[in-house]
Amino acid sequence: MAELLKIKSEVDEFKKEYFHRNSQAEENRQREYQAANRIQSWFRACKVRAYLSRLHKKAIIIQRIWRGFTARAGFRQMVKAAYFIMKMNFYEAMAVRIQQRWRGFFVRKHIHNYYARKSYLEGLSKKNELVRMELAELEELQKRERDCVEMVKEQTAKVYQAHRLHHLLSTKQCPGVFNSPFRPAPHEMEILLRQVKYQAPTRLDPRGRACLMGMLGPTAPSFPGTLGSPWIKTSGTCCSSKPILPPISSKKQQGLYRKPGEVWEQRMLCPDLTLRLQTSYTYLEEAQSQLQHKYIRPPTGKI
């Protein structure tokens, strides 16, 4: 009986030991299996990475070869195009040179005569020199004419001023304004006053209003030495220095205005003759003869 109990106890212990050893073996087997899986996965990863790297290198080699091939082909095409353009430019330059030589030869032989052109230009330059000389002479002549006209205008103005200031002429009794005793020689105006001859201004008729506008009419009063005087020759190109004013209307103006004739008569009115204005003993007779010639009408053919 003891033996049986001992065997039962040993069986229980054997079962326990067997179970324990089987569990340890299973654990070891699971651990070894995981380790094997890990080793296999690492090996396969290394193998795949090596394969992929080899494929990548081969792809890089293929791409490099292809890109080199395409670049060399493109460069060859570019060189061909550049060579073609250079050749065409050279041909165009040679064609232009040939055309230039041919056109020059054709023009010189059939169209343009160089020596005739040269002689024409020489004649033209000589003619230009002559024209310039003539223009210079004409300009000098015009300048002289202008200077002469200016001198005539100045002299006319001086003579007109002398007529206006004739009452300031010096006499034997009293020296004038321009003949100062402190001067070594008489003034220029004094000499001019001695040369001109006094004339009484004429009455302005209604048709002589052109004088008020700056134009000399047939009835305007004239003095010796002025532009309207018969002692000075006037040409058609010489015009009056007075500004041309608009014509005065014939309608009578309202207000305190006077007629232009009265204004002109008052303006040209000279003082009465005195001994200071007398320069010669025959002056009175000359004035009387002038008045007689003025108021005596010429005889007509009617009875």
C-alpha atoms as a PDB file:
ATOM      1  CA  MET A   1       0.000   0.000   0.000  1.00  0.00           C
ATOM      2  CA  ALA A   2       2.851   2.284   0.805  1.00  0.00           C
ATOM      3  CA  GLU A   3       4.398   1.429  -2.393  1.00  0.00           C
ATOM      4  CA  LEU A   4       1.268   2.398  -4.248  1.00  0.00           C
ATOM      5  CA  LEU A   5       1.091   5.689  -2.489  1.00  0.00           C
ATOM      6  CA  LYS A   6       4.710   6.319  -3.219  1.00  0.00           C
ATOM      7  CA  ILE A   7       4.115   5.492  -6.895  1.00  0.00           C
ATOM      8  CA  LYS A   8       1.110   7.845  -7.002  1.00  0.00           C
ATOM      9  CA  SER A   9       3.135  10.591  -5.473  1.00  0.00           C
ATOM     10  CA  GLU A  10       5.916   9.981  -7.914  1.00  0.00           C
ATOM     11  CA  VAL A  11       3.392  10.023 -10.807  1.00  0.00           C
ATOM     12  CA  ASP A  12       2.079  13.375  -9.626  1.00  0.00           C
ATOM     13  CA  GLU A  13       5.585  14.705  -9.356  1.00  0.00           C
ATOM     14  CA  PHE A  14       6.405  13.220 -12.811  1.00  0.00           C
ATOM     15  CA  LYS A  15       3.339  14.917 -14.306  1.00  0.00           C
ATOM     16  CA  LYS A  16       4.315  18.163 -12.751  1.00  0.00           C
ATOM     17  CA  GLU A  17       7.914  17.809 -13.962  1.00  0.00           C
ATOM     18  CA  TYR A  18       6.746  16.776 -17.406  1.00  0.00           C
ATOM     19  CA  PHE A  19       4.382  19.755 -17.588  1.00  0.00           C
ATOM     20  CA  HIS A  20       7.072  22.067 -16.363  1.00  0.00           C
ATOM     21  CA  ARG A  21       9.627  20.750 -18.832  1.00  0.00           C
ATOM     22  CA  ASN A  22       7.146  20.837 -21.708  1.00  0.00           C
ATOM     23  CA  SER A  23       6.266  24.475 -20.925  1.00  0.00           C
ATOM     24  CA  GLN A  24       9.946  25.395 -20.780  1.00  0.00           C
ATOM     25  CA  ALA A  25      10.562  23.578 -24.068  1.00  0.00           C
ATOM     26  CA  GLU A  26       7.615  25.412 -25.623  1.00  0.00           C
ATOM     27  CA  GLU A  27       8.913  28.706 -24.371  1.00  0.00           C
ATOM     28  CA  ASN A  28      12.375  27.941 -25.702  1.00  0.00           C
ATOM     29  CA  ARG A  29      10.880  26.827 -28.972  1.00  0.00           C
ATOM     30  CA  GLN A  30       8.838  30.063 -29.192  1.00  0.00           C
ATOM     31  CA  ARG A  31      11.920  32.128 -28.335  1.00  0.00           C
ATOM     32  CA  GLU A  32      13.996  30.307 -30.946  1.00  0.00           C
ATOM     33  CA  TYR A  33      11.205  30.695 -33.461  1.00  0.00           C
ATOM     34  CA  GLN A  34      11.049  34.468 -32.871  1.00  0.00           C
ATOM     35  CA  ALA A  35      14.826  34.686 -33.080  1.00  0.00           C
ATOM     36  CA  ALA A  36      14.773  32.721 -36.341  1.00  0.00           C
ATOM     37  CA  ASN A  37      12.052  34.987 -37.697  1.00  0.00           C
ATOM     38  CA  ARG A  38      14.042  38.012 -36.705  1.00  0.00           C
ATOM     39  CA  ILE A  39      17.196  36.616 -38.328  1.00  0.00           C
ATOM     40  CA  GLN A  40      15.309  35.707 -41.475  1.00  0.00           C
ATOM     41  CA  SER A  41      13.616  39.121 -41.679  1.00  0.00           C
ATOM     42  CA  TRP A  42      16.963  40.871 -41.174  1.00  0.00           C
ATOM     43  CA  PHE A  43      18.604  38.674 -43.814  1.00  0.00           C
ATOM     44  CA  ARG A  44      15.783  39.171 -46.257  1.00  0.00           C
ATOM     45  CA  ALA A  45      15.860  42.959 -45.615  1.00  0.00           C
ATOM     46  CA  CYS A  46      19.587  43.039 -46.252  1.00  0.00           C
ATOM     47  CA  LYS A  47      19.100  40.975 -49.369  1.00  0.00           C
ATOM     48  CA  VAL A  48      16.282  43.264 -50.626  1.00  0.00           C
ATOM     49  CA  ARG A  49      18.247  46.397 -49.774  1.00  0.00           C
ATOM     50  CA  ALA A  50      21.257  45.054 -51.629  1.00  0.00           C
ATOM     51  CA  TYR A  51      19.056  44.194 -54.586  1.00  0.00           C
ATOM     52  CA  LEU A  52      17.406  47.607 -54.559  1.00  0.00           C
ATOM     53  CA  SER A  53      20.740  49.387 -54.292  1.00  0.00           C
ATOM     54  CA  ARG A  54      22.038  47.338 -57.183  1.00  0.00           C
ATOM     55  CA  LEU A  55      18.908  48.220 -59.209  1.00  0.00           C
ATOM     56  CA  HIS A  56      19.321  51.883 -58.261  1.00  0.00           C
ATOM     57  CA  LYS A  57      22.953  51.860 -59.411  1.00  0.00           C
ATOM     58  CA  LYS A  58      22.000  50.151 -62.660  1.00  0.00           C
ATOM     59  CA  ALA A  59      19.175  52.727 -63.186  1.00  0.00           C
ATOM     60  CA  ILE A  60      21.618  55.578 -62.537  1.00  0.00           C
ATOM     61  CA  ILE A  61      24.022  54.072 -65.052  1.00  0.00           C
ATOM     62  CA  ILE A  62      21.240  53.733 -67.616  1.00  0.00           C
ATOM     63  CA  GLN A  63      20.016  57.306 -67.015  1.00  0.00           C
ATOM     64  CA  ARG A  64      23.564  58.646 -67.240  1.00  0.00           C
ATOM     65  CA  ILE A  65      24.192  56.888 -70.516  1.00  0.00           C
ATOM     66  CA  TRP A  66      20.845  58.088 -71.910  1.00  0.00           C
ATOM     67  CA  ARG A  67      21.301  61.642 -70.817  1.00  0.00           C
ATOM     68  CA  GLY A  68      24.804  61.717 -72.225  1.00  0.00           C
ATOM     69  CA  PHE A  69      23.512  60.318 -75.491  1.00  0.00           C
ATOM     70  CA  THR A  70      20.685  62.886 -75.721  1.00  0.00           C
ATOM     71  CA  ALA A  71      23.011  65.755 -74.739  1.00  0.00           C
ATOM     72  CA  ARG A  72      25.573  64.730 -77.360  1.00  0.00           C
ATOM     73  CA  ALA A  73      22.822  64.471 -79.968  1.00  0.00           C
ATOM     74  CA  GLY A  74      21.471  67.915 -79.027  1.00  0.00           C
ATOM     75  CA  PHE A  75      24.946  69.402 -79.089  1.00  0.00           C
ATOM     76  CA  ARG A  76      25.569  67.886 -82.507  1.00  0.00           C
ATOM     77  CA  GLN A  77      22.308  69.423 -83.723  1.00  0.00           C
ATOM     78  CA  MET A  78      23.301  72.793 -82.239  1.00  0.00           C
ATOM     79  CA  VAL A  79      26.724  72.610 -83.876  1.00  0.00           C
ATOM     80  CA  LYS A  80      25.102  71.746 -87.184  1.00  0.00           C
ATOM     81  CA  ALA A  81      22.669  74.697 -86.860  1.00  0.00           C
ATOM     82  CA  ALA A  82      25.486  77.089 -85.894  1.00  0.00           C
ATOM     83  CA  TYR A  83      27.605  75.856 -88.788  1.00  0.00           C
ATOM     84  CA  PHE A  84      24.648  76.293 -91.144  1.00  0.00           C
ATOM     85  CA  ILE A  85      23.976  79.832 -89.881  1.00  0.00           C
ATOM     86  CA  MET A  86      27.676  80.715 -90.179  1.00  0.00           C
ATOM     87  CA  LYS A  87      27.781  79.309 -93.672  1.00  0.00           C
ATOM     88  CA  MET A  88      24.639  81.235 -94.689  1.00  0.00           C
ATOM     89  CA  ASN A  89      26.037  84.465 -93.207  1.00  0.00           C
ATOM     90  CA  PHE A  90      29.257  83.953 -95.097  1.00  0.00           C
ATOM     91  CA  TYR A  91      27.324  83.292 -98.311  1.00  0.00           C
ATOM     92  CA  GLU A  92      25.173  86.394 -97.723  1.00  0.00           C
ATOM     93  CA  ALA A  93      28.270  88.532 -97.095  1.00  0.00           C
ATOM     94  CA  MET A  94      29.861  87.222-100.265  1.00  0.00           C
ATOM     95  CA  ALA A  95      26.619  87.836-102.208  1.00  0.00           C
ATOM     96  CA  VAL A  96      26.404  91.377-100.830  1.00  0.00           C
ATOM     97  CA  ARG A  97      30.013  92.021-101.804  1.00  0.00           C
ATOM     98  CA  ILE A  98      29.405  90.698-105.299  1.00  0.00           C
ATOM     99  CA  GLN A  99      26.221  92.790-105.634  1.00  0.00           C
ATOM    100  CA  GLN A 100      28.082  95.837-104.332  1.00  0.00           C
ATOM    101  CA  ARG A 101      30.880  95.438-106.856  1.00  0.00           C
ATOM    102  CA  TRP A 102      28.417  94.828-109.674  1.00  0.00           C
ATOM    103  CA  ARG A 103      26.152  97.760-108.800  1.00  0.00           C
ATOM    104  CA  GLY A 104      29.135 100.081-108.420  1.00  0.00           C
ATOM    105  CA  PHE A 105      30.481  98.996-111.798  1.00  0.00           C
ATOM    106  CA  PHE A 106      27.054  99.309-113.441  1.00  0.00           C
ATOM    107  CA  VAL A 107      26.374 102.760-111.964  1.00  0.00           C
ATOM    108  CA  ARG A 108      29.836 104.067-112.818  1.00  0.00           C
ATOM    109  CA  LYS A 109      29.618 102.733-116.344  1.00  0.00           C
ATOM    110  CA  HIS A 110      26.001 103.462-117.343  1.00  0.00           C
ATOM    111  CA  ILE A 111      24.379 105.853-114.831  1.00  0.00           C
ATOM    112  CA  HIS A 112      26.815 108.065-112.949  1.00  0.00           C
ATOM    113  CA  ASN A 113      29.821 109.767-114.482  1.00  0.00           C
ATOM    114  CA  TYR A 114      32.341 110.533-111.756  1.00  0.00           C
ATOM    115  CA  TYR A 115      34.338 113.146-113.661  1.00  0.00           C
ATOM    116  CA  ALA A 116      31.200 114.930-114.858  1.00  0.00           C
ATOM    117  CA  ARG A 117      29.913 114.945-111.289  1.00  0.00           C
ATOM    118  CA  LYS A 118      33.236 116.275-110.046  1.00  0.00           C
ATOM    119  CA  SER A 119      33.275 119.089-112.601  1.00  0.00           C
ATOM    120  CA  TYR A 120      29.630 119.884-111.770  1.00  0.00           C
ATOM    121  CA  LEU A 121      30.412 120.122-108.072  1.00  0.00           C
ATOM    122  CA  GLU A 122      33.417 122.344-108.758  1.00  0.00           C
ATOM    123  CA  GLY A 123      31.283 124.655-110.899  1.00  0.00           C
ATOM    124  CA  LEU A 124      28.582 124.611-108.241  1.00  0.00           C
ATOM    125  CA  SER A 125      31.069 125.567-105.537  1.00  0.00           C
ATOM    126  CA  LYS A 126      32.351 128.456-107.691  1.00  0.00           C
ATOM    127  CA  LYS A 127      28.803 129.584-108.362  1.00  0.00           C
ATOM    128  CA  ASN A 128      28.043 129.398-104.647  1.00  0.00           C
ATOM    129  CA  GLU A 129      31.035 131.598-103.929  1.00  0.00           C
ATOM    130  CA  LEU A 130      29.845 134.120-106.503  1.00  0.00           C
ATOM    131  CA  VAL A 131      26.321 134.052-105.088  1.00  0.00           C
ATOM    132  CA  ARG A 132      27.691 134.556-101.594  1.00  0.00           C
ATOM    133  CA  MET A 133      29.755 137.506-102.770  1.00  0.00           C
ATOM    134  CA  GLU A 134      26.712 138.998-104.502  1.00  0.00           C
ATOM    135  CA  LEU A 135      24.587 138.443-101.407  1.00  0.00           C
ATOM    136  CA  ALA A 136      27.248 140.076 -99.262  1.00  0.00           C
ATOM    137  CA  GLU A 137      27.343 143.044-101.630  1.00  0.00           C
ATOM    138  CA  LEU A 138      23.539 143.216-101.628  1.00  0.00           C
ATOM    139  CA  GLU A 139      23.484 143.086 -97.839  1.00  0.00           C
ATOM    140  CA  GLU A 140      26.067 145.856 -97.674  1.00  0.00           C
ATOM    141  CA  LEU A 141      24.038 147.918-100.149  1.00  0.00           C
ATOM    142  CA  GLN A 142      20.831 147.351 -98.183  1.00  0.00           C
ATOM    143  CA  LYS A 143      22.644 148.291 -94.998  1.00  0.00           C
ATOM    144  CA  ARG A 144      23.853 151.492 -96.615  1.00  0.00           C
ATOM    145  CA  GLU A 145      20.344 152.220 -97.837  1.00  0.00           C
ATOM    146  CA  ARG A 146      18.962 151.635 -94.349  1.00  0.00           C
ATOM    147  CA  ASP A 147      21.639 153.866 -92.866  1.00  0.00           C
ATOM    148  CA  CYS A 148      20.835 156.504 -95.482  1.00  0.00           C
ATOM    149  CA  VAL A 149      17.119 156.244 -94.705  1.00  0.00           C
ATOM    150  CA  GLU A 150      17.857 156.539 -90.992  1.00  0.00           C
ATOM    151  CA  MET A 151      20.045 159.569 -91.646  1.00  0.00           C
ATOM    152  CA  VAL A 152      17.292 161.112 -93.782  1.00  0.00           C
ATOM    153  CA  LYS A 153      14.749 160.433 -91.033  1.00  0.00           C
ATOM    154  CA  GLU A 154      17.033 161.945 -88.404  1.00  0.00           C
ATOM    155  CA  GLN A 155      17.714 164.968 -90.591  1.00  0.00           C
ATOM    156  CA  THR A 156      13.988 165.285 -91.313  1.00  0.00           C
ATOM    157  CA  ALA A 157      13.232 165.126 -87.607  1.00  0.00           C
ATOM    158  CA  LYS A 158      15.885 167.758 -86.927  1.00  0.00           C
ATOM    159  CA  VAL A 159      14.514 170.022 -89.666  1.00  0.00           C
ATOM    160  CA  TYR A 160      10.974 169.550 -88.374  1.00  0.00           C
ATOM    161  CA  GLN A 161      12.151 170.345 -84.874  1.00  0.00           C
ATOM    162  CA  ALA A 162      13.938 173.406 -86.237  1.00  0.00           C
ATOM    163  CA  HIS A 163      10.677 174.566 -87.850  1.00  0.00           C
ATOM    164  CA  ARG A 164       8.870 174.014 -84.561  1.00  0.00           C
ATOM    165  CA  LEU A 165      11.573 175.884 -82.623  1.00  0.00           C
ATOM    166  CA  HIS A 166      12.189 178.617 -85.167  1.00  0.00           C
ATOM    167  CA  HIS A 167      11.069 181.250 -82.690  1.00  0.00           C
ATOM    168  CA  LEU A 168      14.142 180.395 -80.560  1.00  0.00           C
ATOM    169  CA  LEU A 169      16.499 181.681 -83.244  1.00  0.00           C
ATOM    170  CA  SER A 170      19.027 184.196 -81.983  1.00  0.00           C
ATOM    171  CA  THR A 171      18.980 187.748 -83.329  1.00  0.00           C
ATOM    172  CA  LYS A 172      21.322 190.679 -83.349  1.00  0.00           C
ATOM    173  CA  GLN A 173      19.698 192.063 -80.231  1.00  0.00           C
ATOM    174  CA  CYS A 174      19.356 188.936 -78.087  1.00  0.00           C
ATOM    175  CA  PRO A 175      21.093 185.561 -78.358  1.00  0.00           C
ATOM    176  CA  GLY A 176      18.866 182.511 -78.605  1.00  0.00           C
ATOM    177  CA  VAL A 177      18.651 179.459 -76.383  1.00  0.00           C
ATOM    178  CA  PHE A 178      21.037 177.425 -78.540  1.00  0.00           C
ATOM    179  CA  ASN A 179      23.557 180.274 -78.957  1.00  0.00           C
ATOM    180  CA  SER A 180      24.990 180.650 -75.492  1.00  0.00           C
ATOM    181  CA  PRO A 181      27.772 183.252 -75.121  1.00  0.00           C
ATOM    182  CA  PHE A 182      29.681 180.732 -73.014  1.00  0.00           C
ATOM    183  CA  ARG A 183      30.032 178.332 -75.962  1.00  0.00           C
ATOM    184  CA  PRO A 184      33.121 178.571 -78.145  1.00  0.00           C
ATOM    185  CA  ALA A 185      30.944 177.801 -81.205  1.00  0.00           C
ATOM    186  CA  PRO A 186      27.192 177.891 -81.884  1.00  0.00           C
ATOM    187  CA  HIS A 187      25.095 174.790 -81.254  1.00  0.00           C
ATOM    188  CA  GLU A 188      24.120 172.492 -84.115  1.00  0.00           C
ATOM    189  CA  MET A 189      20.457 173.418 -83.674  1.00  0.00           C
ATOM    190  CA  GLU A 190      21.389 177.087 -83.905  1.00  0.00           C
ATOM    191  CA  ILE A 191      23.084 176.510 -87.270  1.00  0.00           C
ATOM    192  CA  LEU A 192      20.085 174.502 -88.456  1.00  0.00           C
ATOM    193  CA  LEU A 193      17.696 177.272 -87.324  1.00  0.00           C
ATOM    194  CA  ARG A 194      19.712 179.753 -89.398  1.00  0.00           C
ATOM    195  CA  GLN A 195      19.536 177.514 -92.470  1.00  0.00           C
ATOM    196  CA  VAL A 196      15.803 176.713 -92.451  1.00  0.00           C
ATOM    197  CA  LYS A 197      13.212 179.217 -93.478  1.00  0.00           C
ATOM    198  CA  TYR A 198      10.120 179.935 -91.444  1.00  0.00           C
ATOM    199  CA  GLN A 199       6.734 179.088 -92.978  1.00  0.00           C
ATOM    200  CA  ALA A 200       3.353 179.771 -91.489  1.00  0.00           C
ATOM    201  CA  PRO A 201       1.214 176.614 -91.185  1.00  0.00           C
ATOM    202  CA  THR A 202      -1.774 176.369 -93.501  1.00  0.00           C
ATOM    203  CA  ARG A 203      -5.367 175.895 -92.357  1.00  0.00           C
ATOM    204  CA  LEU A 204      -6.525 172.306 -92.255  1.00  0.00           C
ATOM    205  CA  ASP A 205      -9.553 171.626 -94.453  1.00  0.00           C
ATOM    206  CA  PRO A 206     -12.043 168.812 -93.692  1.00  0.00           C
ATOM    207  CA  ARG A 207     -10.501 166.578 -96.374  1.00  0.00           C
ATOM    208  CA  GLY A 208      -7.013 166.859 -94.876  1.00  0.00           C
ATOM    209  CA  ARG A 209      -7.675 164.555 -91.973  1.00  0.00           C
ATOM    210  CA  ALA A 210      -5.176 162.061 -93.279  1.00  0.00           C
ATOM    211  CA  CYS A 211      -2.475 164.096 -91.570  1.00  0.00           C
ATOM    212  CA  LEU A 212      -4.025 163.328 -88.219  1.00  0.00           C
ATOM    213  CA  MET A 213      -3.705 159.612 -89.001  1.00  0.00           C
ATOM    214  CA  GLY A 214       0.030 159.877 -89.684  1.00  0.00           C
ATOM    215  CA  MET A 215      -0.275 160.031 -93.525  1.00  0.00           C
ATOM    216  CA  LEU A 216       0.760 162.979 -95.611  1.00  0.00           C
ATOM    217  CA  GLY A 217      -2.087 164.115 -97.802  1.00  0.00           C
ATOM    218  CA  PRO A 218      -2.119 166.599-100.680  1.00  0.00           C
ATOM    219  CA  THR A 219      -3.513 169.355 -98.441  1.00  0.00           C
ATOM    220  CA  ALA A 220      -1.387 168.626 -95.391  1.00  0.00           C
ATOM    221  CA  PRO A 221       0.953 171.382 -94.234  1.00  0.00           C
ATOM    222  CA  SER A 222       4.510 170.727 -95.348  1.00  0.00           C
ATOM    223  CA  PHE A 223       7.786 172.218 -94.293  1.00  0.00           C
ATOM    224  CA  PRO A 224      11.118 172.317 -96.138  1.00  0.00           C
ATOM    225  CA  GLY A 225      13.129 169.298 -95.128  1.00  0.00           C
ATOM    226  CA  THR A 226      10.195 167.064 -94.128  1.00  0.00           C
ATOM    227  CA  LEU A 227       8.963 163.966 -95.918  1.00  0.00           C
ATOM    228  CA  GLY A 228       6.028 165.858 -97.410  1.00  0.00           C
ATOM    229  CA  SER A 229       8.121 168.758 -98.591  1.00  0.00           C
ATOM    230  CA  PRO A 230       8.903 169.326-102.292  1.00  0.00           C
ATOM    231  CA  TRP A 231      12.537 169.982-101.391  1.00  0.00           C
ATOM    232  CA  ILE A 232      13.083 166.332-100.481  1.00  0.00           C
ATOM    233  CA  LYS A 233      12.632 163.518-102.973  1.00  0.00           C
ATOM    234  CA  THR A 234      10.681 160.600-101.594  1.00  0.00           C
ATOM    235  CA  SER A 235      10.501 157.154-103.134  1.00  0.00           C
ATOM    236  CA  GLY A 236       7.627 154.704-103.155  1.00  0.00           C
ATOM    237  CA  THR A 237       9.374 152.440-100.640  1.00  0.00           C
ATOM    238  CA  CYS A 238       9.806 155.146 -98.025  1.00  0.00           C
ATOM    239  CA  CYS A 239       6.916 155.302 -95.623  1.00  0.00           C
ATOM    240  CA  SER A 240       6.055 157.634 -92.778  1.00  0.00           C
ATOM    241  CA  SER A 241       7.519 156.955 -89.367  1.00  0.00           C
ATOM    242  CA  LYS A 242       4.214 157.895 -87.677  1.00  0.00           C
ATOM    243  CA  PRO A 243       1.909 155.024 -86.738  1.00  0.00           C
ATOM    244  CA  ILE A 244      -1.150 154.542 -88.939  1.00  0.00           C
ATOM    245  CA  LEU A 245      -4.190 155.220 -86.766  1.00  0.00           C
ATOM    246  CA  PRO A 246      -7.761 154.154 -87.551  1.00  0.00           C
ATOM    247  CA  PRO A 247      -9.813 156.754 -89.480  1.00  0.00           C
ATOM    248  CA  ILE A 248     -11.799 159.276 -87.499  1.00  0.00           C
ATOM    249  CA  SER A 249     -15.520 158.735 -87.901  1.00  0.00           C
ATOM    250  CA  SER A 250     -17.487 161.494 -89.575  1.00  0.00           C
ATOM    251  CA  LYS A 251     -20.202 161.241 -86.937  1.00  0.00           C
ATOM    252  CA  LYS A 252     -20.042 164.055 -84.427  1.00  0.00           C
ATOM    253  CA  GLN A 253     -18.914 162.825 -81.061  1.00  0.00           C
ATOM    254  CA  GLN A 254     -20.945 163.582 -77.991  1.00  0.00           C
ATOM    255  CA  GLY A 255     -19.494 165.496 -75.068  1.00  0.00           C
ATOM    256  CA  LEU A 256     -16.926 168.249 -74.754  1.00  0.00           C
ATOM    257  CA  TYR A 257     -14.893 167.404 -77.832  1.00  0.00           C
ATOM    258  CA  ARG A 258     -13.568 169.680 -80.523  1.00  0.00           C
ATOM    259  CA  LYS A 259     -13.099 169.102 -84.200  1.00  0.00           C
ATOM    260  CA  PRO A 260      -9.761 167.596 -85.324  1.00  0.00           C
ATOM    261  CA  GLY A 261      -9.144 170.607 -87.561  1.00  0.00           C
ATOM    262  CA  GLU A 262      -9.316 172.998 -84.658  1.00  0.00           C
ATOM    263  CA  VAL A 263      -6.999 170.816 -82.580  1.00  0.00           C
ATOM    264  CA  TRP A 264      -4.496 170.633 -85.447  1.00  0.00           C
ATOM    265  CA  GLU A 265      -4.693 174.400 -86.032  1.00  0.00           C
ATOM    266  CA  GLN A 266      -4.096 175.091 -82.349  1.00  0.00           C
ATOM    267  CA  ARG A 267      -1.219 172.660 -82.314  1.00  0.00           C
ATOM    268  CA  MET A 268       0.463 174.219 -85.357  1.00  0.00           C
ATOM    269  CA  LEU A 269      -0.271 177.790 -84.204  1.00  0.00           C
ATOM    270  CA  CYS A 270       2.908 179.849 -83.907  1.00  0.00           C
ATOM    271  CA  PRO A 271       3.300 183.046 -81.870  1.00  0.00           C
ATOM    272  CA  ASP A 272       3.137 186.452 -83.493  1.00  0.00           C
ATOM    273  CA  LEU A 273       6.216 187.719 -85.267  1.00  0.00           C
ATOM    274  CA  THR A 274       8.430 189.938 -83.147  1.00  0.00           C
ATOM    275  CA  LEU A 275      11.763 191.592 -83.576  1.00  0.00           C
ATOM    276  CA  ARG A 276      13.383 188.564 -82.020  1.00  0.00           C
ATOM    277  CA  LEU A 277      12.337 186.440 -85.004  1.00  0.00           C
ATOM    278  CA  GLN A 278      13.502 188.971 -87.592  1.00  0.00           C
ATOM    279  CA  THR A 279      16.744 187.897 -89.230  1.00  0.00           C
ATOM    280  CA  SER A 280      16.876 190.191 -92.264  1.00  0.00           C
ATOM    281  CA  TYR A 281      15.588 193.646 -93.197  1.00  0.00           C
ATOM    282  CA  THR A 282      13.586 192.204 -96.141  1.00  0.00           C
ATOM    283  CA  TYR A 283      11.600 189.760 -94.014  1.00  0.00           C
ATOM    284  CA  LEU A 284       8.434 191.891 -93.921  1.00  0.00           C
ATOM    285  CA  GLU A 285       8.316 192.231 -97.706  1.00  0.00           C
ATOM    286  CA  GLU A 286       8.803 188.498 -98.135  1.00  0.00           C
ATOM    287  CA  ALA A 287       5.941 187.737 -95.743  1.00  0.00           C
ATOM    288  CA  GLN A 288       3.636 190.174 -97.569  1.00  0.00           C
ATOM    289  CA  SER A 289       4.473 188.608-100.944  1.00  0.00           C
ATOM    290  CA  GLN A 290       3.733 185.142 -99.536  1.00  0.00           C
ATOM    291  CA  LEU A 291       0.354 186.313 -98.262  1.00  0.00           C
ATOM    292  CA  GLN A 292      -0.480 187.877-101.634  1.00  0.00           C
ATOM    293  CA  HIS A 293       0.411 184.700-103.492  1.00  0.00           C
ATOM    294  CA  LYS A 294      -1.686 182.732-101.025  1.00  0.00           C
ATOM    295  CA  TYR A 295      -4.924 184.729-101.347  1.00  0.00           C
ATOM    296  CA  ILE A 296      -4.725 185.755-105.043  1.00  0.00           C
ATOM    297  CA  ARG A 297      -6.456 183.103-107.209  1.00  0.00           C
ATOM    298  CA  PRO A 298      -4.963 182.207-110.589  1.00  0.00           C
ATOM    299  CA  PRO A 299      -6.931 183.559-113.582  1.00  0.00           C
ATOM    300  CA  THR A 300      -9.239 181.102-115.377  1.00  0.00           C
ATOM    301  CA  GLY A 301     -10.339 181.025-119.027  1.00  0.00           C
ATOM    302  CA  LYS A 302     -13.983 181.974-118.232  1.00  0.00           C
ATOM    303  CA  ILE A 303     -15.269 185.589-118.603  1.00  0.00           C
END
